[in-house]
Amino acid sequence: MGIAVSNWRLANAVSRLGQLGVVSGVAIDSVLARRLQDGDPGGHMRRAMARFPMPNVAAEALTRHFREGGRPPGEPYKALPMYQQEVSRVRDQFSVLSSFVEVTLAKEGHGGLVGINLLTKIQMGNLAFLYGALLAGVDYVIMGAGIPREIPGALDALARHQPAQLRLELEDAAPGQAEYLRFDPAAHWAGPPPPLVRPRFLPIVASNLLATMLHKKTTGRIDGFIIEGPTAGGHNAPPRDRGVSIETGEPLYGERDVVDLEQIRKLGLPFWVAGSAGRPERLQEALAAGAAGIQVGTLFAYADESGLTDEIRRGVLQNVLRGTVRIRTEARASPTGFPFKLVSWDGDPAEGVVRKRVCDLGYLRSAYGRGEKGLGYRCASEPEEQFIAKGGAPEETPGRQCLCNALLATIGLGQLREGGAVEPPLLTSGDEVMNLAAFLGGRTSYTAADVVSYLLGGAAA
């Protein structure tokens, strides 16, 4: 769910209830850096960092980022160096540390299962994030927004502390040019590393074709599927046939975008249904179709334990009860090219805000070939003149937004801009946010336990 909406607190609460709590690993390094710069209220980051098996790395991270009492008024967050094909050992180590901290806190104090979700589209940094999660004992890895064919093999290698690599998606590549992202665990240890257990891997798929391909052609073992429909939040798969509505600009989905669950069942692996699945009757329907269960995002996103700011949580739930919350699938908001769900409501702090085009975090940058000059990096959400100067197509820029900065603002970690303005938030949810009123029953707050109790009301735990 975005960046750290499904945070360690929420995942810990869900896991304690006997379900699979999942932390978002997207941009988790920037999340850790900003939490430390805000003074680490409660000391949770430092408590988990004290358990990191590379003490020198944790100590250096504290020296670089921790601010006792938080940043002084008017001081912006200090950003991490943007990821590229090759980064310094210190940069990679901080990424390893960041996912270790999030998973460690999610697993703290119980024996339940914890997973981590990463986006396939955000390639750079993923190997380091995966390794940190493995060091923390993560039980499941879940990945969508692309085709994660190479991830199972990478997990196999990382679990043995062996070098792992992913082929880097490259635009404007020369004929025959192949570039790779590499991560070697041995480069980060002075002594013998601890034994690791390889987590189970669940790719997120939106078609029978993709599920079948991954079942046959991944570089290692997959352990099941998340079957996600176009009503799910965040990034959606593009429509297969119908394109975009001329009237609304939203993607048009049809029958070919509906996954045949019977064909998925025949693959012989467990699967979970996602996308407007957060209701007891949908759980029953999924089980009847042979699913192992459902994946739920929207209901948990507004629970007390989630990472949303209190202002956003209260504002959305109050508008749900009034019937004034709105959701739209934006075909162009994300620089990835995938459709992206956006929520708005009366009192939305981002309503009417004209976002300044910027790319200073770089998670969604694309690598491109520059011939003998090596690789370059560009993002359709950066200033148009910069994007075009790097060889980007002008038609790719209209409507794009910097999701990296906006989603960090949604969890209260927005960057301070010129003139003292704070980066405005951007909220993503599935279509199910429109149906929350029945669940709320007049409430404007609830817990993860309330969600699990509601969902399991008609099924055995």
Protein backbone atom coordinates (compact mmCIF):
# COMPACT_ATOMS: atom_id res chain seq x y z
CA MET A 1 0.00 0.00 0.00
CA GLY A 2 1.90 2.97 -1.33
CA ILE A 3 4.98 3.76 0.74
CA ALA A 4 4.80 2.49 4.36
CA VAL A 5 1.01 2.72 4.64
CA SER A 6 1.26 -0.99 5.31
CA ASN A 7 3.99 -0.34 7.86
CA TRP A 8 5.53 -2.45 10.61
CA ARG A 9 2.81 -1.55 13.12
CA LEU A 10 0.01 -2.71 10.83
CA ALA A 11 1.84 -5.86 9.72
CA ASN A 12 2.64 -6.72 13.34
CA ALA A 13 -1.02 -6.32 14.33
CA VAL A 14 -2.27 -8.47 11.45
CA SER A 15 0.31 -11.20 12.09
CA ARG A 16 -0.66 -11.37 15.76
CA LEU A 17 -4.20 -12.16 14.59
CA GLY A 18 -3.07 -15.26 12.71
CA GLN A 19 -2.98 -13.73 9.23
CA LEU A 20 -0.09 -12.72 6.95
CA GLY A 21 0.97 -9.17 7.81
CA VAL A 22 2.83 -7.53 4.92
CA VAL A 23 5.10 -4.48 5.03
CA SER A 24 5.65 -2.28 2.03
CA GLY A 25 9.31 -2.27 1.05
CA VAL A 26 8.99 0.52 -1.52
CA ALA A 27 11.36 3.41 -0.71
CA ILE A 28 11.83 1.95 2.78
CA ASP A 29 15.37 3.35 2.87
CA SER A 30 14.07 6.92 2.57
CA VAL A 31 11.41 6.10 5.16
CA LEU A 32 14.07 4.97 7.66
CA ALA A 33 16.29 7.98 6.93
CA ARG A 34 13.43 10.43 7.50
CA ARG A 35 12.19 8.69 10.64
CA LEU A 36 15.70 8.99 12.08
CA GLN A 37 15.96 12.64 11.06
CA ASP A 38 12.65 13.23 12.86
CA GLY A 39 14.24 11.93 16.07
CA ASP A 40 12.86 8.35 15.99
CA PRO A 41 9.93 8.94 18.38
CA GLY A 42 9.56 5.94 20.66
CA GLY A 43 13.03 4.67 19.75
CA HIS A 44 11.63 1.87 17.56
CA MET A 45 14.08 2.32 14.68
CA ARG A 46 17.07 2.31 17.03
CA ARG A 47 15.73 -0.73 18.89
CA ALA A 48 15.60 -2.74 15.66
CA MET A 49 18.92 -1.34 14.44
CA ALA A 50 20.58 -2.66 17.61
CA ARG A 51 19.71 -6.17 16.38
CA PHE A 52 21.25 -5.71 12.93
CA PRO A 53 24.02 -8.29 12.48
CA MET A 54 26.42 -5.70 11.04
CA PRO A 55 26.84 -3.36 14.05
CA ASN A 56 29.20 -1.00 12.23
CA VAL A 57 26.60 -0.38 9.52
CA ALA A 58 23.92 0.50 12.08
CA ALA A 59 26.32 2.77 13.95
CA GLU A 60 27.31 4.63 10.79
CA ALA A 61 23.64 5.03 9.82
CA LEU A 62 22.88 6.63 13.18
CA THR A 63 25.81 9.00 12.82
CA ARG A 64 24.68 10.05 9.35
CA HIS A 65 20.92 10.34 9.87
CA PHE A 66 19.76 10.41 13.49
CA ARG A 67 18.83 13.84 14.89
CA GLU A 68 18.13 13.89 18.62
CA GLY A 69 14.81 15.67 19.05
CA GLY A 70 14.27 15.81 15.28
CA ARG A 71 15.06 18.38 12.63
CA PRO A 72 14.89 22.05 13.62
CA PRO A 73 11.99 24.03 12.10
CA GLY A 74 12.57 24.98 8.49
CA GLU A 75 15.18 22.31 7.80
CA PRO A 76 14.37 19.92 4.93
CA TYR A 77 15.10 16.22 5.02
CA LYS A 78 18.55 15.20 3.85
CA ALA A 79 18.00 12.91 0.89
CA LEU A 80 19.82 9.68 0.16
CA PRO A 81 21.86 9.40 -3.05
CA MET A 82 19.58 8.25 -5.87
CA TYR A 83 19.94 4.64 -6.95
CA GLN A 84 21.64 3.76 -10.20
CA GLN A 85 23.20 0.64 -11.70
CA GLU A 86 26.17 0.82 -9.34
CA VAL A 87 26.15 2.51 -5.95
CA SER A 88 28.57 2.70 -3.04
CA ARG A 89 28.78 -0.09 -0.49
CA VAL A 90 27.49 2.32 2.18
CA ARG A 91 24.41 3.11 0.05
CA ASP A 92 23.59 -0.57 -0.45
CA GLN A 93 24.16 -1.31 3.23
CA PHE A 94 21.70 1.36 4.31
CA SER A 95 19.07 -0.25 2.05
CA VAL A 96 19.77 -3.65 3.60
CA LEU A 97 19.44 -2.09 7.04
CA SER A 98 16.16 -0.33 6.21
CA SER A 99 14.23 -3.44 5.16
CA PHE A 100 15.77 -5.39 8.05
CA VAL A 101 14.42 -2.79 10.50
CA GLU A 102 10.89 -2.81 9.04
CA VAL A 103 10.60 -6.61 8.96
CA THR A 104 12.20 -7.01 12.40
CA LEU A 105 9.66 -4.67 13.97
CA ALA A 106 6.81 -6.39 12.13
CA LYS A 107 7.93 -9.76 13.52
CA GLU A 108 8.58 -8.50 17.05
CA GLY A 109 6.72 -10.12 19.95
CA HIS A 110 4.83 -12.91 18.18
CA GLY A 111 5.34 -16.08 16.16
CA GLY A 112 3.15 -15.13 13.18
CA LEU A 113 4.10 -14.81 9.53
CA VAL A 114 5.33 -11.58 7.93
CA GLY A 115 5.81 -10.72 4.27
CA ILE A 116 7.33 -7.84 2.32
CA ASN A 117 5.94 -6.31 -0.87
CA LEU A 118 8.18 -4.72 -3.50
CA LEU A 119 7.50 -3.39 -7.00
CA THR A 120 9.17 -5.23 -9.88
CA LYS A 121 9.21 -1.96 -11.82
CA ILE A 122 11.51 -0.40 -9.21
CA GLN A 123 14.51 -2.58 -10.01
CA MET A 124 17.36 -0.59 -8.55
CA GLY A 125 17.76 -1.33 -4.85
CA ASN A 126 15.46 -4.36 -4.80
CA LEU A 127 18.27 -6.89 -4.30
CA ALA A 128 19.52 -5.00 -1.25
CA PHE A 129 15.98 -4.66 0.14
CA LEU A 130 15.40 -8.38 -0.34
CA TYR A 131 18.63 -9.28 1.41
CA GLY A 132 17.78 -7.11 4.41
CA ALA A 133 14.36 -8.73 4.65
CA LEU A 134 15.96 -12.19 4.55
CA LEU A 135 18.34 -11.21 7.36
CA ALA A 136 15.26 -10.29 9.42
CA GLY A 137 13.63 -13.67 8.75
CA VAL A 138 10.88 -12.55 6.38
CA ASP A 139 8.47 -15.40 5.56
CA TYR A 140 6.99 -14.24 2.22
CA VAL A 141 8.06 -11.96 -0.63
CA ILE A 142 5.25 -10.53 -2.80
CA MET A 143 5.97 -8.62 -6.02
CA GLY A 144 3.89 -7.15 -8.82
CA ALA A 145 3.89 -4.10 -11.16
CA GLY A 146 5.87 -6.01 -13.76
CA ILE A 147 7.02 -9.55 -14.46
CA PRO A 148 9.20 -10.77 -11.55
CA ARG A 149 10.61 -13.75 -13.45
CA GLU A 150 14.14 -13.45 -12.06
CA ILE A 151 13.23 -12.87 -8.41
CA PRO A 152 12.91 -16.57 -7.37
CA GLY A 153 16.47 -17.26 -8.51
CA ALA A 154 17.70 -14.13 -6.75
CA LEU A 155 16.04 -15.29 -3.52
CA ASP A 156 17.72 -18.68 -3.87
CA ALA A 157 21.12 -17.02 -4.21
CA LEU A 158 20.64 -14.45 -1.45
CA ALA A 159 19.46 -17.10 1.00
CA ARG A 160 22.84 -18.81 0.46
CA HIS A 161 24.70 -15.46 0.74
CA GLN A 162 25.72 -15.82 -2.90
CA PRO A 163 25.85 -13.09 -5.57
CA ALA A 164 22.49 -12.28 -7.19
CA GLN A 165 21.68 -10.34 -10.31
CA LEU A 166 18.72 -8.93 -12.24
CA ARG A 167 18.78 -7.89 -15.86
CA LEU A 168 18.28 -4.13 -15.93
CA GLU A 169 15.39 -2.93 -18.07
CA LEU A 170 17.04 -0.53 -20.48
CA GLU A 171 15.50 1.97 -22.85
CA ASP A 172 17.34 3.03 -26.03
CA ALA A 173 19.67 0.04 -25.70
CA ALA A 174 22.22 -0.66 -28.43
CA PRO A 175 21.73 -3.92 -30.36
CA GLY A 176 22.77 -6.80 -28.14
CA GLN A 177 23.38 -4.55 -25.12
CA ALA A 178 22.57 -6.21 -21.79
CA GLU A 179 23.08 -4.55 -18.42
CA TYR A 180 22.67 -6.08 -14.95
CA LEU A 181 22.06 -5.05 -11.37
CA ARG A 182 24.26 -7.06 -9.03
CA PHE A 183 24.46 -7.58 -5.28
CA ASP A 184 27.11 -9.69 -3.56
CA PRO A 185 26.41 -10.41 0.13
CA ALA A 186 30.04 -11.41 0.70
CA ALA A 187 31.12 -7.79 0.13
CA HIS A 188 29.34 -6.74 3.33
CA TRP A 189 30.61 -9.26 5.88
CA ALA A 190 33.85 -9.26 7.85
CA GLY A 191 33.12 -12.70 9.32
CA PRO A 192 30.78 -15.61 8.57
CA PRO A 193 27.18 -14.54 7.92
CA PRO A 194 24.23 -16.10 9.79
CA PRO A 195 22.23 -18.95 8.20
CA LEU A 196 19.13 -17.83 6.32
CA VAL A 197 15.85 -19.43 5.30
CA ARG A 198 14.62 -18.75 1.78
CA PRO A 199 11.15 -17.11 2.02
CA ARG A 200 8.19 -18.17 -0.08
CA PHE A 201 7.57 -16.11 -3.20
CA LEU A 202 4.17 -14.94 -4.48
CA PRO A 203 4.09 -12.95 -7.74
CA ILE A 204 1.10 -10.65 -8.31
CA VAL A 205 -0.54 -11.41 -11.67
CA ALA A 206 -3.51 -9.98 -13.56
CA SER A 207 -3.85 -12.58 -16.33
CA ASN A 208 -3.89 -16.33 -16.82
CA LEU A 209 -1.15 -15.98 -19.44
CA LEU A 210 1.25 -14.34 -17.01
CA ALA A 211 0.50 -16.87 -14.27
CA THR A 212 1.16 -19.76 -16.64
CA MET A 213 4.39 -18.21 -17.93
CA LEU A 214 5.73 -17.60 -14.43
CA HIS A 215 4.77 -21.11 -13.39
CA LYS A 216 6.91 -22.53 -16.22
CA LYS A 217 9.72 -20.04 -16.78
CA THR A 218 10.89 -18.43 -13.56
CA THR A 219 14.51 -18.77 -12.49
CA GLY A 220 13.51 -20.61 -9.30
CA ARG A 221 10.57 -21.80 -7.21
CA ILE A 222 7.37 -19.82 -6.88
CA ASP A 223 4.97 -20.75 -4.11
CA GLY A 224 1.64 -19.36 -5.27
CA PHE A 225 -0.01 -16.32 -6.82
CA ILE A 226 -1.82 -13.15 -5.87
CA ILE A 227 -4.58 -12.72 -8.48
CA GLU A 228 -5.25 -8.99 -8.68
CA GLY A 229 -8.09 -7.34 -10.55
CA PRO A 230 -8.26 -3.74 -11.88
CA THR A 231 -10.30 -2.54 -8.88
CA ALA A 232 -7.26 -2.94 -6.60
CA GLY A 233 -5.41 0.14 -5.38
CA GLY A 234 -1.99 1.41 -6.42
CA HIS A 235 -0.68 0.38 -9.82
CA ASN A 236 -3.00 -1.69 -12.03
CA ALA A 237 -2.21 -3.71 -15.12
CA PRO A 238 -3.06 -1.81 -18.31
CA PRO A 239 -6.30 -2.96 -20.04
CA ARG A 240 -5.69 -5.63 -22.62
CA ASP A 241 -8.12 -4.44 -25.30
CA ARG A 242 -10.29 -1.41 -24.70
CA GLY A 243 -7.78 1.38 -24.11
CA VAL A 244 -8.78 4.66 -22.43
CA SER A 245 -12.15 6.41 -22.21
CA ILE A 246 -12.36 9.54 -24.35
CA GLU A 247 -14.81 11.12 -21.87
CA THR A 248 -13.03 10.42 -18.58
CA GLY A 249 -9.46 9.51 -19.52
CA GLU A 250 -9.73 6.38 -17.36
CA PRO A 251 -8.64 2.91 -18.58
CA LEU A 252 -11.45 0.71 -19.88
CA TYR A 253 -11.37 -2.89 -18.68
CA GLY A 254 -13.29 -5.74 -20.26
CA GLU A 255 -13.81 -9.48 -20.18
CA ARG A 256 -10.24 -10.24 -21.23
CA ASP A 257 -9.02 -8.50 -18.06
CA VAL A 258 -10.89 -10.99 -15.85
CA VAL A 259 -8.73 -13.87 -14.62
CA ASP A 260 -10.20 -17.37 -14.97
CA LEU A 261 -9.72 -18.75 -11.46
CA GLU A 262 -10.43 -22.29 -12.59
CA GLN A 263 -7.40 -22.14 -14.88
CA ILE A 264 -5.32 -20.75 -12.02
CA ARG A 265 -6.48 -23.58 -9.78
CA LYS A 266 -5.30 -26.13 -12.36
CA LEU A 267 -1.73 -24.84 -12.01
CA GLY A 268 -1.66 -26.60 -8.63
CA LEU A 269 -0.34 -23.73 -6.51
CA PRO A 270 -2.18 -21.82 -3.79
CA PHE A 271 -3.57 -18.45 -4.79
CA TRP A 272 -5.17 -15.44 -3.13
CA VAL A 273 -7.73 -13.13 -4.74
CA ALA A 274 -7.18 -9.35 -4.58
CA GLY A 275 -9.10 -6.31 -5.78
CA SER A 276 -12.37 -5.43 -3.98
CA ALA A 277 -11.95 -8.64 -1.99
CA GLY A 278 -12.31 -7.09 1.48
CA ARG A 279 -15.76 -8.42 2.36
CA PRO A 280 -16.82 -11.69 4.06
CA GLU A 281 -18.84 -12.77 1.02
CA ARG A 282 -15.83 -12.22 -1.24
CA LEU A 283 -13.75 -14.41 1.04
CA GLN A 284 -16.38 -17.14 0.79
CA GLU A 285 -16.49 -16.79 -3.00
CA ALA A 286 -12.71 -17.00 -3.22
CA LEU A 287 -12.57 -20.12 -1.06
CA ALA A 288 -15.33 -21.72 -3.11
CA ALA A 289 -13.29 -21.04 -6.27
CA GLY A 290 -10.32 -22.91 -4.77
CA ALA A 291 -8.37 -19.93 -3.44
CA ALA A 292 -6.35 -20.11 -0.24
CA GLY A 293 -7.84 -16.77 0.80
CA ILE A 294 -7.88 -13.08 -0.10
CA GLN A 295 -5.45 -10.18 -0.07
CA VAL A 296 -6.94 -7.07 1.54
CA GLY A 297 -5.52 -3.58 1.26
CA THR A 298 -8.15 -0.85 1.42
CA LEU A 299 -9.80 -1.92 4.69
CA PHE A 300 -6.45 -2.11 6.45
CA ALA A 301 -5.20 1.16 4.94
CA TYR A 302 -7.57 3.20 7.13
CA ALA A 303 -7.10 1.16 10.32
CA ASP A 304 -5.57 2.92 13.31
CA GLU A 305 -2.29 1.02 12.91
CA SER A 306 -1.62 2.03 9.29
CA GLY A 307 0.95 4.63 8.30
CA LEU A 308 -1.53 7.24 7.01
CA THR A 309 -1.49 10.55 8.82
CA ASP A 310 -4.39 11.03 11.25
CA GLU A 311 -5.61 13.97 9.17
CA ILE A 312 -5.91 11.90 6.00
CA ARG A 313 -7.41 8.88 7.78
CA ARG A 314 -10.11 10.96 9.52
CA GLY A 315 -10.83 13.02 6.44
CA VAL A 316 -11.40 10.01 4.19
CA LEU A 317 -13.54 8.07 6.69
CA GLN A 318 -15.73 11.09 7.42
CA ASN A 319 -16.25 11.60 3.69
CA VAL A 320 -17.00 7.91 3.21
CA LEU A 321 -19.87 8.28 5.69
CA ARG A 322 -21.10 11.41 3.87
CA GLY A 323 -20.79 9.75 0.48
CA THR A 324 -18.36 12.41 -0.76
CA VAL A 325 -15.20 10.39 -1.31
CA ARG A 326 -14.10 9.96 -4.92
CA ILE A 327 -11.76 7.54 -6.69
CA ARG A 328 -10.29 7.68 -10.16
CA THR A 329 -8.00 5.41 -12.15
CA GLU A 330 -5.49 7.79 -13.69
CA ALA A 331 -3.96 6.47 -16.90
CA ARG A 332 -1.06 8.96 -16.81
CA ALA A 333 -0.30 9.92 -13.21
CA SER A 334 2.44 7.35 -12.73
CA PRO A 335 5.71 7.71 -14.67
CA THR A 336 5.81 3.91 -14.87
CA GLY A 337 3.11 3.91 -17.55
CA PHE A 338 0.86 1.69 -15.41
CA PRO A 339 -2.61 3.03 -14.49
CA PHE A 340 -2.71 4.34 -10.93
CA LYS A 341 -5.63 4.74 -8.50
CA LEU A 342 -6.09 8.17 -6.86
CA VAL A 343 -8.50 9.10 -4.04
CA SER A 344 -9.88 12.57 -3.38
CA TRP A 345 -12.33 13.90 -0.80
CA ASP A 346 -13.75 17.13 0.54
CA GLY A 347 -10.89 18.71 2.48
CA ASP A 348 -8.18 16.80 0.59
CA PRO A 349 -5.01 18.88 1.28
CA ALA A 350 -3.84 18.21 -2.27
CA GLU A 351 -7.08 19.41 -3.89
CA GLY A 352 -6.29 22.08 -6.48
CA VAL A 353 -2.56 21.92 -5.82
CA VAL A 354 -0.35 22.27 -8.90
CA ARG A 355 2.56 19.96 -8.22
CA LYS A 356 5.99 21.13 -9.25
CA ARG A 357 7.67 18.64 -11.54
CA VAL A 358 10.60 17.10 -9.71
CA CYS A 359 12.67 13.93 -9.53
CA ASP A 360 14.93 14.11 -6.49
CA LEU A 361 14.30 10.62 -5.04
CA GLY A 362 14.57 8.65 -8.27
CA TYR A 363 12.87 5.37 -7.42
CA LEU A 364 10.81 5.37 -10.62
CA ARG A 365 13.59 6.53 -12.93
CA SER A 366 14.24 4.46 -16.04
CA ALA A 367 17.73 3.61 -17.24
CA TYR A 368 18.58 4.34 -20.85
CA GLY A 369 21.56 3.71 -23.08
CA ARG A 370 23.85 6.58 -24.14
CA GLY A 371 26.25 4.64 -26.34
CA GLU A 372 29.88 5.10 -25.32
CA LYS A 373 28.78 7.46 -22.52
CA GLY A 374 27.28 4.56 -20.57
CA LEU A 375 23.88 4.69 -18.91
CA GLY A 376 21.67 7.64 -18.10
CA TYR A 377 18.54 7.92 -15.96
CA ARG A 378 15.31 9.79 -16.64
CA CYS A 379 11.79 10.07 -15.27
CA ALA A 380 8.68 11.29 -17.07
CA SER A 381 7.78 13.24 -13.91
CA GLU A 382 10.94 15.36 -13.91
CA PRO A 383 10.92 18.82 -15.56
CA GLU A 384 9.98 18.40 -19.22
CA GLU A 385 13.09 20.08 -20.59
CA GLN A 386 15.34 17.75 -18.59
CA PHE A 387 13.42 14.64 -19.65
CA ILE A 388 13.45 15.63 -23.32
CA ALA A 389 17.16 16.57 -23.18
CA LYS A 390 17.83 13.01 -22.03
CA GLY A 391 16.05 11.62 -25.10
CA GLY A 392 12.64 11.16 -23.51
CA ALA A 393 9.58 11.48 -25.72
CA PRO A 394 7.68 14.76 -25.16
CA GLU A 395 4.34 12.95 -25.29
CA GLU A 396 5.32 10.96 -22.18
CA THR A 397 5.33 14.01 -19.88
CA PRO A 398 1.74 15.38 -19.72
CA GLY A 399 -0.13 14.41 -16.57
CA ARG A 400 2.79 12.71 -14.85
CA GLN A 401 3.26 13.22 -11.10
CA CYS A 402 6.11 12.48 -8.71
CA LEU A 403 4.63 9.55 -6.81
CA CYS A 404 7.78 9.09 -4.71
CA ASN A 405 7.52 12.46 -2.95
CA ALA A 406 3.73 12.53 -2.82
CA LEU A 407 3.39 9.08 -1.24
CA LEU A 408 5.98 9.92 1.41
CA ALA A 409 3.90 12.98 2.27
CA THR A 410 0.86 10.73 2.76
CA ILE A 411 2.57 9.10 5.75
CA GLY A 412 3.74 12.40 7.24
CA LEU A 413 7.24 12.39 5.75
CA GLY A 414 6.75 15.07 3.11
CA GLN A 415 9.75 17.09 2.02
CA LEU A 416 10.02 20.77 2.93
CA ARG A 417 10.14 22.85 -0.24
CA GLU A 418 11.19 26.39 -1.06
CA GLY A 419 9.18 28.99 0.79
CA GLY A 420 8.37 26.62 3.66
CA ALA A 421 5.72 24.62 1.81
CA VAL A 422 5.48 20.90 2.58
CA GLU A 423 5.08 18.42 -0.28
CA PRO A 424 1.33 17.72 -0.67
CA PRO A 425 0.15 14.11 -0.17
CA LEU A 426 -1.36 11.74 -2.70
CA LEU A 427 -3.58 8.88 -1.61
CA THR A 428 -4.15 5.61 -3.43
CA SER A 429 -6.84 3.05 -2.60
CA GLY A 430 -8.82 0.35 -4.31
CA ASP A 431 -12.39 0.89 -5.49
CA GLU A 432 -13.55 -0.72 -2.24
CA VAL A 433 -13.10 2.62 -0.46
CA MET A 434 -16.47 3.58 -1.97
CA ASN A 435 -18.12 0.72 -0.05
CA LEU A 436 -16.62 1.28 3.40
CA ALA A 437 -19.72 2.92 4.90
CA ALA A 438 -21.43 -0.41 5.59
CA PHE A 439 -18.35 -1.70 7.40
CA LEU A 440 -17.92 1.52 9.38
CA GLY A 441 -21.46 1.55 10.73
CA GLY A 442 -21.07 5.20 11.68
CA ARG A 443 -17.54 4.84 13.12
CA THR A 444 -14.71 7.10 12.09
CA SER A 445 -11.97 4.85 13.47
CA TYR A 446 -11.28 1.14 13.78
CA THR A 447 -8.42 -1.32 14.28
CA ALA A 448 -6.82 -4.16 12.33
CA ALA A 449 -8.53 -6.55 14.75
CA ASP A 450 -11.90 -5.10 13.71
CA VAL A 451 -11.06 -5.82 10.07
CA VAL A 452 -10.02 -9.44 10.68
CA SER A 453 -13.07 -10.10 12.85
CA TYR A 454 -15.33 -8.68 10.13
CA LEU A 455 -13.73 -10.70 7.34
CA LEU A 456 -13.73 -13.98 9.26
CA GLY A 457 -17.30 -13.58 10.46
CA GLY A 458 -18.47 -16.14 7.95
CA ALA A 459 -15.39 -18.37 7.76
CA ALA A 460 -13.10 -20.39 9.98
CA ALA A 461 -9.81 -18.71 10.82
